[in-house]
Amino acid sequence: MELFFPIILAASVAMLVWALTIFVTGLVKNEKRKLSERLTGASGSTGAANIATSIIVQPQTDGLPPALARFAVMRALHRSLVHAYPQASLVRFLTLSLTLCVVVGLVMLALIDSPWVALAGAGGGAYLPYMFVAGRKNKRQRQLAEQLPEALEFLQRILRAGHSLSTGLSMMAEELPQPLSAEFRTCYDQHSLGQPLEQCMREMAARIESTDFAFFVTAVLIQRQTGGDLSQVLGNISGMIRQRIRLQQYVKAKTAEGRFTGYILVAFPVLMFFIASSMNADYKKNLLDTSTGLMMLGIAGALVFMGLIAIRKITTVKV
């Protein structure tokens, strides 16, 4: 119970720092905006680049209440929720987050009888659903990226056998593993009900939000307008994606030592604190029995978390 307050305080400060990091990173990085301009032709280009009016930049607001759709944060949260749980509702998600916020805050207040601990617990309870959604979305995006090269090669073989593109989409929906097959199934069902194939593929790319998949959709749209050997283009895109995945794995292996060192440096202060406390019980009194010591522990925990984020940023190389 003595360590409960500094742990909660450190967790709340760390969550705040993490949220600010995500917000600042989103403001600084504009690669996605530049790619969107190229794909939509907004940068002034002409010709084949103007074919697709939108591929990955249109926000998915289906099922989002108009009052919430006005806020960019809610639209981004809705897209993440749809990626993680396609049948989920943003209103129910916000209700769950608010309920956990109130319940955890009241429980902390009843157990600790401290408003600061209750506030920190309420913040952690509100953030917990988003953490699960972010983890589920990242896992799904990794699965889609790993399945895409084989899917393109499969479609290449279908086209070389003489089948049409719509038939290829149907076969991909039947033969490919989840979650990629579900996306092609949705695209094929929309096309079967009369929606133009170009629009179906744009919406599919908007749901997946992958640069590699946007290349595939762009190639299909251009080929349907200008002609050409789509199977060869698909083979080139598949090879490019495989080379990128191989390079990412190589970089990850090269930076494994740095990441492992960072984890050791983060765990070392915590481990030494428990070792010293077990050897000398009086060692921890100044930290755990005074408000200043508890505040110092909370700040130290937040700084350790910030150091872990910095190490991950240094050892993460985007390919």
C-alpha atoms as a PDB file:
ATOM      1  CA  MET A   1       0.000   0.000   0.000  1.00  0.00           C
ATOM      2  CA  GLU A   2       2.955   2.304   0.629  1.00  0.00           C
ATOM      3  CA  LEU A   3       4.060   2.071  -2.978  1.00  0.00           C
ATOM      4  CA  PHE A   4       0.577   2.485  -4.406  1.00  0.00           C
ATOM      5  CA  PHE A   5       0.549   6.285  -4.485  1.00  0.00           C
ATOM      6  CA  PRO A   6       3.891   6.786  -6.297  1.00  0.00           C
ATOM      7  CA  ILE A   7       2.978   4.083  -8.815  1.00  0.00           C
ATOM      8  CA  ILE A   8      -0.366   5.719  -9.581  1.00  0.00           C
ATOM      9  CA  LEU A   9       1.229   9.171  -9.735  1.00  0.00           C
ATOM     10  CA  ALA A  10       3.976   7.981 -12.051  1.00  0.00           C
ATOM     11  CA  ALA A  11       1.452   6.213 -14.278  1.00  0.00           C
ATOM     12  CA  SER A  12      -0.752   9.299 -14.574  1.00  0.00           C
ATOM     13  CA  VAL A  13       2.175  11.596 -15.373  1.00  0.00           C
ATOM     14  CA  ALA A  14       3.521   9.052 -17.854  1.00  0.00           C
ATOM     15  CA  MET A  15       0.147   8.864 -19.614  1.00  0.00           C
ATOM     16  CA  LEU A  16       0.057  12.657 -19.839  1.00  0.00           C
ATOM     17  CA  VAL A  17       3.564  12.745 -21.305  1.00  0.00           C
ATOM     18  CA  TRP A  18       2.649   9.985 -23.764  1.00  0.00           C
ATOM     19  CA  ALA A  19      -0.462  11.869 -24.906  1.00  0.00           C
ATOM     20  CA  LEU A  20       1.535  15.068 -25.390  1.00  0.00           C
ATOM     21  CA  THR A  21       4.170  13.123 -27.327  1.00  0.00           C
ATOM     22  CA  ILE A  22       1.568  11.704 -29.691  1.00  0.00           C
ATOM     23  CA  PHE A  23       0.002  15.150 -30.177  1.00  0.00           C
ATOM     24  CA  VAL A  24       3.309  16.883 -30.928  1.00  0.00           C
ATOM     25  CA  THR A  25       4.405  14.079 -33.244  1.00  0.00           C
ATOM     26  CA  GLY A  26       1.187  14.396 -35.210  1.00  0.00           C
ATOM     27  CA  LEU A  27       1.767  18.134 -35.627  1.00  0.00           C
ATOM     28  CA  VAL A  28       5.394  17.823 -36.685  1.00  0.00           C
ATOM     29  CA  LYS A  29       5.129  14.962 -39.150  1.00  0.00           C
ATOM     30  CA  ASN A  30       3.455  15.869 -42.423  1.00  0.00           C
ATOM     31  CA  GLU A  31       4.488  12.954 -44.624  1.00  0.00           C
ATOM     32  CA  LYS A  32       0.939  11.661 -44.666  1.00  0.00           C
ATOM     33  CA  ARG A  33      -0.365  15.047 -45.772  1.00  0.00           C
ATOM     34  CA  LYS A  34       2.157  15.201 -48.620  1.00  0.00           C
ATOM     35  CA  LEU A  35       1.236  11.699 -49.747  1.00  0.00           C
ATOM     36  CA  SER A  36      -2.428  12.645 -49.642  1.00  0.00           C
ATOM     37  CA  GLU A  37      -1.773  15.636 -51.888  1.00  0.00           C
ATOM     38  CA  ARG A  38       0.016  13.451 -54.416  1.00  0.00           C
ATOM     39  CA  LEU A  39      -2.730  10.832 -54.424  1.00  0.00           C
ATOM     40  CA  THR A  40      -5.542  13.362 -54.753  1.00  0.00           C
ATOM     41  CA  GLY A  41      -3.788  15.606 -57.227  1.00  0.00           C
ATOM     42  CA  ALA A  42      -4.083  18.536 -54.833  1.00  0.00           C
ATOM     43  CA  SER A  43      -0.474  19.531 -55.393  1.00  0.00           C
ATOM     44  CA  GLY A  44      -1.255  20.685 -58.912  1.00  0.00           C
ATOM     45  CA  SER A  45      -0.194  17.583 -60.808  1.00  0.00           C
ATOM     46  CA  THR A  46      -2.087  16.492 -63.891  1.00  0.00           C
ATOM     47  CA  GLY A  47      -2.642  13.261 -65.778  1.00  0.00           C
ATOM     48  CA  ALA A  48      -2.982   9.923 -64.112  1.00  0.00           C
ATOM     49  CA  ALA A  49      -2.464  11.373 -60.629  1.00  0.00           C
ATOM     50  CA  ASN A  50      -5.844  13.077 -60.887  1.00  0.00           C
ATOM     51  CA  ILE A  51      -7.696   9.796 -61.383  1.00  0.00           C
ATOM     52  CA  ALA A  52      -8.315   9.081 -57.734  1.00  0.00           C
ATOM     53  CA  THR A  53     -10.167  11.894 -56.040  1.00  0.00           C
ATOM     54  CA  SER A  54      -9.360  10.365 -52.682  1.00  0.00           C
ATOM     55  CA  ILE A  55      -7.657   7.171 -51.534  1.00  0.00           C
ATOM     56  CA  ILE A  56      -6.544   7.279 -47.928  1.00  0.00           C
ATOM     57  CA  VAL A  57      -7.304  10.815 -46.848  1.00  0.00           C
ATOM     58  CA  GLN A  58     -11.075  10.777 -46.577  1.00  0.00           C
ATOM     59  CA  PRO A  59     -12.078  10.343 -42.932  1.00  0.00           C
ATOM     60  CA  GLN A  60     -14.406   7.475 -42.159  1.00  0.00           C
ATOM     61  CA  THR A  61     -17.367   9.118 -40.418  1.00  0.00           C
ATOM     62  CA  ASP A  62     -20.033   6.457 -41.046  1.00  0.00           C
ATOM     63  CA  GLY A  63     -21.920   5.890 -37.812  1.00  0.00           C
ATOM     64  CA  LEU A  64     -20.305   8.913 -36.160  1.00  0.00           C
ATOM     65  CA  PRO A  65     -22.786  11.404 -34.665  1.00  0.00           C
ATOM     66  CA  PRO A  66     -22.633  14.845 -36.339  1.00  0.00           C
ATOM     67  CA  ALA A  67     -21.951  16.529 -33.019  1.00  0.00           C
ATOM     68  CA  LEU A  68     -18.771  14.453 -32.604  1.00  0.00           C
ATOM     69  CA  ALA A  69     -17.769  14.496 -36.282  1.00  0.00           C
ATOM     70  CA  ARG A  70     -16.915  18.187 -36.030  1.00  0.00           C
ATOM     71  CA  PHE A  71     -13.886  17.424 -33.840  1.00  0.00           C
ATOM     72  CA  ALA A  72     -10.724  16.032 -35.436  1.00  0.00           C
ATOM     73  CA  VAL A  73      -9.845  14.142 -32.251  1.00  0.00           C
ATOM     74  CA  MET A  74     -13.167  12.297 -32.314  1.00  0.00           C
ATOM     75  CA  ARG A  75     -12.788  11.456 -36.007  1.00  0.00           C
ATOM     76  CA  ALA A  76      -9.319  10.030 -35.370  1.00  0.00           C
ATOM     77  CA  LEU A  77     -10.612   8.056 -32.378  1.00  0.00           C
ATOM     78  CA  HIS A  78     -13.495   6.759 -34.484  1.00  0.00           C
ATOM     79  CA  ARG A  79     -11.113   5.545 -37.202  1.00  0.00           C
ATOM     80  CA  SER A  80      -8.969   3.751 -34.632  1.00  0.00           C
ATOM     81  CA  LEU A  81     -12.042   2.162 -33.083  1.00  0.00           C
ATOM     82  CA  VAL A  82     -13.332   0.963 -36.463  1.00  0.00           C
ATOM     83  CA  HIS A  83      -9.931  -0.553 -37.252  1.00  0.00           C
ATOM     84  CA  ALA A  84      -9.795  -2.407 -33.932  1.00  0.00           C
ATOM     85  CA  TYR A  85     -13.464  -3.352 -33.539  1.00  0.00           C
ATOM     86  CA  PRO A  86     -15.451  -2.819 -36.778  1.00  0.00           C
ATOM     87  CA  GLN A  87     -18.836  -3.302 -35.101  1.00  0.00           C
ATOM     88  CA  ALA A  88     -18.134  -1.011 -32.157  1.00  0.00           C
ATOM     89  CA  SER A  89     -19.763   2.374 -31.601  1.00  0.00           C
ATOM     90  CA  LEU A  90     -17.894   5.499 -30.586  1.00  0.00           C
ATOM     91  CA  VAL A  91     -20.708   6.557 -28.276  1.00  0.00           C
ATOM     92  CA  ARG A  92     -20.555   3.238 -26.406  1.00  0.00           C
ATOM     93  CA  PHE A  93     -16.776   3.479 -26.292  1.00  0.00           C
ATOM     94  CA  LEU A  94     -16.901   6.971 -24.770  1.00  0.00           C
ATOM     95  CA  THR A  95     -19.561   5.788 -22.315  1.00  0.00           C
ATOM     96  CA  LEU A  96     -17.333   2.884 -21.260  1.00  0.00           C
ATOM     97  CA  SER A  97     -14.347   5.206 -20.864  1.00  0.00           C
ATOM     98  CA  LEU A  98     -16.366   7.655 -18.762  1.00  0.00           C
ATOM     99  CA  THR A  99     -17.770   4.830 -16.623  1.00  0.00           C
ATOM    100  CA  LEU A 100     -14.301   3.439 -15.909  1.00  0.00           C
ATOM    101  CA  CYS A 101     -13.100   6.942 -15.134  1.00  0.00           C
ATOM    102  CA  VAL A 102     -15.810   7.476 -12.515  1.00  0.00           C
ATOM    103  CA  VAL A 103     -15.693   3.960 -11.026  1.00  0.00           C
ATOM    104  CA  VAL A 104     -11.906   3.790 -10.698  1.00  0.00           C
ATOM    105  CA  GLY A 105     -11.790   7.309  -9.292  1.00  0.00           C
ATOM    106  CA  LEU A 106     -14.398   6.525  -6.638  1.00  0.00           C
ATOM    107  CA  VAL A 107     -12.668   3.242  -5.717  1.00  0.00           C
ATOM    108  CA  MET A 108      -9.314   5.001  -5.333  1.00  0.00           C
ATOM    109  CA  LEU A 109     -10.929   7.713  -3.239  1.00  0.00           C
ATOM    110  CA  ALA A 110     -12.543   5.115  -0.972  1.00  0.00           C
ATOM    111  CA  LEU A 111      -9.332   3.100  -0.551  1.00  0.00           C
ATOM    112  CA  ILE A 112      -6.715   5.847  -0.277  1.00  0.00           C
ATOM    113  CA  ASP A 113      -8.863   8.818   0.781  1.00  0.00           C
ATOM    114  CA  SER A 114      -6.774  11.166  -1.328  1.00  0.00           C
ATOM    115  CA  PRO A 115      -8.212  13.338  -4.130  1.00  0.00           C
ATOM    116  CA  TRP A 116      -4.936  13.297  -6.037  1.00  0.00           C
ATOM    117  CA  VAL A 117      -4.786   9.517  -6.046  1.00  0.00           C
ATOM    118  CA  ALA A 118      -8.451   9.407  -7.078  1.00  0.00           C
ATOM    119  CA  LEU A 119      -7.768  11.854  -9.918  1.00  0.00           C
ATOM    120  CA  ALA A 120      -4.795   9.819 -11.113  1.00  0.00           C
ATOM    121  CA  GLY A 121      -6.829   6.611 -10.956  1.00  0.00           C
ATOM    122  CA  ALA A 122      -9.695   8.231 -12.862  1.00  0.00           C
ATOM    123  CA  GLY A 123      -7.275   9.292 -15.600  1.00  0.00           C
ATOM    124  CA  GLY A 124      -5.855   5.786 -15.821  1.00  0.00           C
ATOM    125  CA  GLY A 125      -9.342   4.266 -15.986  1.00  0.00           C
ATOM    126  CA  ALA A 126     -10.359   6.614 -18.779  1.00  0.00           C
ATOM    127  CA  TYR A 127      -7.200   5.839 -20.748  1.00  0.00           C
ATOM    128  CA  LEU A 128      -7.429   2.055 -20.368  1.00  0.00           C
ATOM    129  CA  PRO A 129      -9.993   1.432 -23.187  1.00  0.00           C
ATOM    130  CA  TYR A 130      -7.985   3.543 -25.623  1.00  0.00           C
ATOM    131  CA  MET A 131      -4.867   1.529 -24.793  1.00  0.00           C
ATOM    132  CA  PHE A 132      -6.644  -1.703 -25.736  1.00  0.00           C
ATOM    133  CA  VAL A 133      -7.978  -0.144 -28.940  1.00  0.00           C
ATOM    134  CA  ALA A 134      -4.534   1.144 -29.947  1.00  0.00           C
ATOM    135  CA  GLY A 135      -2.974  -2.265 -29.321  1.00  0.00           C
ATOM    136  CA  ARG A 136      -5.655  -4.063 -31.321  1.00  0.00           C
ATOM    137  CA  LYS A 137      -5.323  -1.592 -34.208  1.00  0.00           C
ATOM    138  CA  ASN A 138      -1.522  -1.906 -34.335  1.00  0.00           C
ATOM    139  CA  LYS A 139      -1.780  -5.698 -34.354  1.00  0.00           C
ATOM    140  CA  ARG A 140      -4.283  -5.590 -37.210  1.00  0.00           C
ATOM    141  CA  GLN A 141      -2.120  -3.198 -39.228  1.00  0.00           C
ATOM    142  CA  ARG A 142       0.885  -5.486 -38.822  1.00  0.00           C
ATOM    143  CA  GLN A 143      -1.145  -8.472 -39.994  1.00  0.00           C
ATOM    144  CA  LEU A 144      -2.366  -6.567 -43.057  1.00  0.00           C
ATOM    145  CA  ALA A 145       1.159  -5.474 -43.944  1.00  0.00           C
ATOM    146  CA  GLU A 146       2.462  -9.041 -43.665  1.00  0.00           C
ATOM    147  CA  GLN A 147      -0.374 -10.505 -45.755  1.00  0.00           C
ATOM    148  CA  LEU A 148      -0.300  -7.913 -48.531  1.00  0.00           C
ATOM    149  CA  PRO A 149       2.680  -9.266 -50.587  1.00  0.00           C
ATOM    150  CA  GLU A 150       1.193 -12.756 -50.812  1.00  0.00           C
ATOM    151  CA  ALA A 151      -2.211 -11.271 -51.658  1.00  0.00           C
ATOM    152  CA  LEU A 152      -0.757  -9.272 -54.554  1.00  0.00           C
ATOM    153  CA  GLU A 153       1.076 -12.309 -55.886  1.00  0.00           C
ATOM    154  CA  PHE A 154      -2.127 -14.324 -55.611  1.00  0.00           C
ATOM    155  CA  LEU A 155      -4.016 -11.681 -57.596  1.00  0.00           C
ATOM    156  CA  GLN A 156      -1.182 -11.605 -60.143  1.00  0.00           C
ATOM    157  CA  ARG A 157      -1.554 -15.339 -60.773  1.00  0.00           C
ATOM    158  CA  ILE A 158      -5.330 -14.963 -61.105  1.00  0.00           C
ATOM    159  CA  LEU A 159      -4.969 -12.231 -63.732  1.00  0.00           C
ATOM    160  CA  ARG A 160      -2.366 -14.221 -65.665  1.00  0.00           C
ATOM    161  CA  ALA A 161      -4.792 -17.145 -65.742  1.00  0.00           C
ATOM    162  CA  GLY A 162      -7.221 -14.953 -67.666  1.00  0.00           C
ATOM    163  CA  HIS A 163      -9.720 -14.035 -64.959  1.00  0.00           C
ATOM    164  CA  SER A 164     -11.122 -10.535 -64.502  1.00  0.00           C
ATOM    165  CA  LEU A 165     -10.247  -8.213 -61.656  1.00  0.00           C
ATOM    166  CA  SER A 166     -13.666  -8.573 -60.023  1.00  0.00           C
ATOM    167  CA  THR A 167     -13.314 -12.379 -60.117  1.00  0.00           C
ATOM    168  CA  GLY A 168      -9.875 -11.980 -58.569  1.00  0.00           C
ATOM    169  CA  LEU A 169     -11.325  -9.929 -55.732  1.00  0.00           C
ATOM    170  CA  SER A 170     -13.912 -12.640 -55.087  1.00  0.00           C
ATOM    171  CA  MET A 171     -11.268 -15.366 -55.014  1.00  0.00           C
ATOM    172  CA  MET A 172      -9.072 -13.283 -52.698  1.00  0.00           C
ATOM    173  CA  ALA A 173     -12.023 -12.880 -50.329  1.00  0.00           C
ATOM    174  CA  GLU A 174     -12.388 -16.669 -50.244  1.00  0.00           C
ATOM    175  CA  GLU A 175      -8.763 -17.792 -50.126  1.00  0.00           C
ATOM    176  CA  LEU A 176      -6.849 -15.150 -48.168  1.00  0.00           C
ATOM    177  CA  PRO A 177      -6.576 -15.249 -44.367  1.00  0.00           C
ATOM    178  CA  GLN A 178      -8.154 -12.745 -42.018  1.00  0.00           C
ATOM    179  CA  PRO A 179      -8.208  -9.757 -41.692  1.00  0.00           C
ATOM    180  CA  LEU A 180      -7.301  -8.991 -45.333  1.00  0.00           C
ATOM    181  CA  SER A 181      -9.907 -11.342 -46.766  1.00  0.00           C
ATOM    182  CA  ALA A 182     -12.675  -9.484 -44.920  1.00  0.00           C
ATOM    183  CA  GLU A 183     -11.675  -6.225 -46.593  1.00  0.00           C
ATOM    184  CA  PHE A 184     -11.726  -7.786 -50.068  1.00  0.00           C
ATOM    185  CA  ARG A 185     -15.052  -9.445 -49.245  1.00  0.00           C
ATOM    186  CA  THR A 186     -16.535  -6.060 -48.360  1.00  0.00           C
ATOM    187  CA  CYS A 187     -15.128  -4.549 -51.557  1.00  0.00           C
ATOM    188  CA  TYR A 188     -16.494  -7.346 -53.730  1.00  0.00           C
ATOM    189  CA  ASP A 189     -19.929  -7.245 -52.066  1.00  0.00           C
ATOM    190  CA  GLN A 190     -20.166  -3.490 -52.632  1.00  0.00           C
ATOM    191  CA  HIS A 191     -19.207  -3.937 -56.281  1.00  0.00           C
ATOM    192  CA  SER A 192     -21.733  -6.771 -56.707  1.00  0.00           C
ATOM    193  CA  LEU A 193     -24.491  -4.469 -55.447  1.00  0.00           C
ATOM    194  CA  GLY A 194     -23.739  -1.927 -58.182  1.00  0.00           C
ATOM    195  CA  GLN A 195     -21.134   0.380 -56.697  1.00  0.00           C
ATOM    196  CA  PRO A 196     -18.296   1.272 -59.127  1.00  0.00           C
ATOM    197  CA  LEU A 197     -15.169  -0.778 -58.562  1.00  0.00           C
ATOM    198  CA  GLU A 198     -12.978   2.326 -58.386  1.00  0.00           C
ATOM    199  CA  GLN A 199     -15.021   3.730 -55.529  1.00  0.00           C
ATOM    200  CA  CYS A 200     -15.048   0.374 -53.738  1.00  0.00           C
ATOM    201  CA  MET A 201     -11.272   0.172 -53.865  1.00  0.00           C
ATOM    202  CA  ARG A 202     -10.862   3.754 -52.678  1.00  0.00           C
ATOM    203  CA  GLU A 203     -13.069   3.012 -49.677  1.00  0.00           C
ATOM    204  CA  MET A 204     -11.121  -0.183 -48.988  1.00  0.00           C
ATOM    205  CA  ALA A 205      -7.842   1.743 -49.012  1.00  0.00           C
ATOM    206  CA  ALA A 206      -9.377   4.340 -46.698  1.00  0.00           C
ATOM    207  CA  ARG A 207     -10.316   1.595 -44.236  1.00  0.00           C
ATOM    208  CA  ILE A 208      -6.881  -0.030 -44.301  1.00  0.00           C
ATOM    209  CA  GLU A 209      -4.831   3.214 -44.177  1.00  0.00           C
ATOM    210  CA  SER A 210      -1.634   1.674 -45.519  1.00  0.00           C
ATOM    211  CA  THR A 211       0.812   3.371 -47.873  1.00  0.00           C
ATOM    212  CA  ASP A 212       1.665   0.073 -49.554  1.00  0.00           C
ATOM    213  CA  PHE A 213      -1.994  -0.716 -50.085  1.00  0.00           C
ATOM    214  CA  ALA A 214      -2.509   2.785 -51.476  1.00  0.00           C
ATOM    215  CA  PHE A 215       0.170   2.010 -54.089  1.00  0.00           C
ATOM    216  CA  PHE A 216      -1.773  -1.093 -55.096  1.00  0.00           C
ATOM    217  CA  VAL A 217      -5.072   0.805 -55.388  1.00  0.00           C
ATOM    218  CA  THR A 218      -3.416   3.614 -57.364  1.00  0.00           C
ATOM    219  CA  ALA A 219      -1.905   1.109 -59.780  1.00  0.00           C
ATOM    220  CA  VAL A 220      -5.300  -0.544 -60.324  1.00  0.00           C
ATOM    221  CA  LEU A 221      -7.048   2.788 -60.898  1.00  0.00           C
ATOM    222  CA  ILE A 222      -4.414   3.953 -63.369  1.00  0.00           C
ATOM    223  CA  GLN A 223      -4.478   0.631 -65.237  1.00  0.00           C
ATOM    224  CA  ARG A 224      -8.261   0.759 -65.593  1.00  0.00           C
ATOM    225  CA  GLN A 225      -7.978   4.217 -67.152  1.00  0.00           C
ATOM    226  CA  THR A 226      -4.868   3.880 -69.309  1.00  0.00           C
ATOM    227  CA  GLY A 227      -4.490   0.117 -69.845  1.00  0.00           C
ATOM    228  CA  GLY A 228      -1.359  -1.961 -69.461  1.00  0.00           C
ATOM    229  CA  ASP A 229      -0.203  -5.193 -67.884  1.00  0.00           C
ATOM    230  CA  LEU A 230      -1.606  -5.051 -64.354  1.00  0.00           C
ATOM    231  CA  SER A 231      -0.119  -8.431 -63.399  1.00  0.00           C
ATOM    232  CA  GLN A 232       3.404  -7.149 -64.012  1.00  0.00           C
ATOM    233  CA  VAL A 233       2.711  -4.013 -61.990  1.00  0.00           C
ATOM    234  CA  LEU A 234       1.386  -6.121 -59.124  1.00  0.00           C
ATOM    235  CA  GLY A 235       4.527  -8.235 -59.222  1.00  0.00           C
ATOM    236  CA  ASN A 236       6.706  -5.123 -58.982  1.00  0.00           C
ATOM    237  CA  ILE A 237       4.692  -3.736 -56.067  1.00  0.00           C
ATOM    238  CA  SER A 238       4.807  -7.082 -54.275  1.00  0.00           C
ATOM    239  CA  GLY A 239       8.570  -7.272 -54.701  1.00  0.00           C
ATOM    240  CA  MET A 240       8.971  -3.726 -53.408  1.00  0.00           C
ATOM    241  CA  ILE A 241       6.885  -4.490 -50.318  1.00  0.00           C
ATOM    242  CA  ARG A 242       8.840  -7.672 -49.622  1.00  0.00           C
ATOM    243  CA  GLN A 243      12.134  -5.788 -49.881  1.00  0.00           C
ATOM    244  CA  ARG A 244      10.825  -3.157 -47.480  1.00  0.00           C
ATOM    245  CA  ILE A 245       9.714  -5.798 -44.965  1.00  0.00           C
ATOM    246  CA  ARG A 246      13.079  -7.514 -45.237  1.00  0.00           C
ATOM    247  CA  LEU A 247      14.851  -4.203 -44.655  1.00  0.00           C
ATOM    248  CA  GLN A 248      12.633  -3.459 -41.649  1.00  0.00           C
ATOM    249  CA  GLN A 249      13.506  -6.826 -40.123  1.00  0.00           C
ATOM    250  CA  TYR A 250      17.207  -6.182 -40.755  1.00  0.00           C
ATOM    251  CA  VAL A 251      17.034  -2.767 -39.078  1.00  0.00           C
ATOM    252  CA  LYS A 252      15.093  -4.252 -36.170  1.00  0.00           C
ATOM    253  CA  ALA A 253      17.781  -6.879 -35.667  1.00  0.00           C
ATOM    254  CA  LYS A 254      20.525  -4.250 -35.783  1.00  0.00           C
ATOM    255  CA  THR A 255      18.793  -2.056 -33.192  1.00  0.00           C
ATOM    256  CA  ALA A 256      17.877  -4.951 -30.864  1.00  0.00           C
ATOM    257  CA  GLU A 257      20.948  -4.347 -28.692  1.00  0.00           C
ATOM    258  CA  GLY A 258      20.051  -0.691 -28.210  1.00  0.00           C
ATOM    259  CA  ARG A 259      16.469  -1.510 -27.266  1.00  0.00           C
ATOM    260  CA  PHE A 260      17.589  -4.203 -24.823  1.00  0.00           C
ATOM    261  CA  THR A 261      20.043  -1.756 -23.244  1.00  0.00           C
ATOM    262  CA  GLY A 262      17.244   0.776 -22.872  1.00  0.00           C
ATOM    263  CA  TYR A 263      15.020  -1.749 -21.118  1.00  0.00           C
ATOM    264  CA  ILE A 264      17.844  -2.610 -18.699  1.00  0.00           C
ATOM    265  CA  LEU A 265      18.456   1.060 -17.930  1.00  0.00           C
ATOM    266  CA  VAL A 266      14.755   1.586 -17.246  1.00  0.00           C
ATOM    267  CA  ALA A 267      14.444  -1.462 -14.990  1.00  0.00           C
ATOM    268  CA  PHE A 268      17.720  -0.904 -13.123  1.00  0.00           C
ATOM    269  CA  PRO A 269      16.567   1.960 -10.801  1.00  0.00           C
ATOM    270  CA  VAL A 270      13.379   0.110  -9.860  1.00  0.00           C
ATOM    271  CA  LEU A 271      15.248  -3.125  -9.195  1.00  0.00           C
ATOM    272  CA  MET A 272      17.919  -1.390  -7.104  1.00  0.00           C
ATOM    273  CA  PHE A 273      15.241   0.361  -5.037  1.00  0.00           C
ATOM    274  CA  PHE A 274      13.615  -2.932  -4.070  1.00  0.00           C
ATOM    275  CA  ILE A 275      16.968  -4.585  -3.394  1.00  0.00           C
ATOM    276  CA  ALA A 276      18.120  -1.730  -1.154  1.00  0.00           C
ATOM    277  CA  SER A 277      14.752  -1.647   0.618  1.00  0.00           C
ATOM    278  CA  SER A 278      14.892  -5.374   1.341  1.00  0.00           C
ATOM    279  CA  MET A 279      18.414  -5.066   2.746  1.00  0.00           C
ATOM    280  CA  ASN A 280      17.654  -1.972   4.833  1.00  0.00           C
ATOM    281  CA  ALA A 281      14.035  -1.171   5.633  1.00  0.00           C
ATOM    282  CA  ASP A 282      14.932   2.317   6.896  1.00  0.00           C
ATOM    283  CA  TYR A 283      16.279   3.220   3.457  1.00  0.00           C
ATOM    284  CA  LYS A 284      12.825   3.792   1.995  1.00  0.00           C
ATOM    285  CA  LYS A 285      11.285   5.730   4.864  1.00  0.00           C
ATOM    286  CA  ASN A 286      12.334   9.137   3.578  1.00  0.00           C
ATOM    287  CA  LEU A 287      10.704   8.383   0.251  1.00  0.00           C
ATOM    288  CA  LEU A 288       7.549   6.561   1.309  1.00  0.00           C
ATOM    289  CA  ASP A 289       6.688   8.295   4.600  1.00  0.00           C
ATOM    290  CA  THR A 290       6.900  11.919   3.440  1.00  0.00           C
ATOM    291  CA  SER A 291       4.913  13.829   0.848  1.00  0.00           C
ATOM    292  CA  THR A 292       8.126  15.181  -0.677  1.00  0.00           C
ATOM    293  CA  GLY A 293       9.516  11.682  -1.061  1.00  0.00           C
ATOM    294  CA  LEU A 294       6.323  10.438  -2.695  1.00  0.00           C
ATOM    295  CA  MET A 295       6.384  13.368  -5.101  1.00  0.00           C
ATOM    296  CA  MET A 296      10.014  12.619  -5.949  1.00  0.00           C
ATOM    297  CA  LEU A 297       9.141   8.990  -6.636  1.00  0.00           C
ATOM    298  CA  GLY A 298       6.324  10.018  -8.947  1.00  0.00           C
ATOM    299  CA  ILE A 299       8.556  12.447 -10.839  1.00  0.00           C
ATOM    300  CA  ALA A 300      11.309   9.826 -11.053  1.00  0.00           C
ATOM    301  CA  GLY A 301       8.856   7.295 -12.486  1.00  0.00           C
ATOM    302  CA  ALA A 302       7.678   9.802 -15.077  1.00  0.00           C
ATOM    303  CA  LEU A 303      11.269  10.637 -16.042  1.00  0.00           C
ATOM    304  CA  VAL A 304      12.085   6.944 -16.411  1.00  0.00           C
ATOM    305  CA  PHE A 305       9.072   6.557 -18.702  1.00  0.00           C
ATOM    306  CA  MET A 306      10.164   9.572 -20.753  1.00  0.00           C
ATOM    307  CA  GLY A 307      13.616   8.039 -21.038  1.00  0.00           C
ATOM    308  CA  LEU A 308      12.078   4.831 -22.341  1.00  0.00           C
ATOM    309  CA  ILE A 309      10.173   6.799 -24.984  1.00  0.00           C
ATOM    310  CA  ALA A 310      13.364   8.623 -25.996  1.00  0.00           C
ATOM    311  CA  ILE A 311      15.283   5.350 -26.310  1.00  0.00           C
ATOM    312  CA  ARG A 312      12.516   3.835 -28.436  1.00  0.00           C
ATOM    313  CA  LYS A 313      12.539   6.889 -30.699  1.00  0.00           C
ATOM    314  CA  ILE A 314      16.309   6.662 -31.138  1.00  0.00           C
ATOM    315  CA  THR A 315      16.321   2.932 -31.861  1.00  0.00           C
ATOM    316  CA  THR A 316      13.278   3.011 -34.164  1.00  0.00           C
ATOM    317  CA  VAL A 317      14.243   3.565 -37.788  1.00  0.00           C
ATOM    318  CA  LYS A 318      11.377   3.978 -40.222  1.00  0.00           C
ATOM    319  CA  VAL A 319      11.860   2.344 -43.608  1.00  0.00           C
END
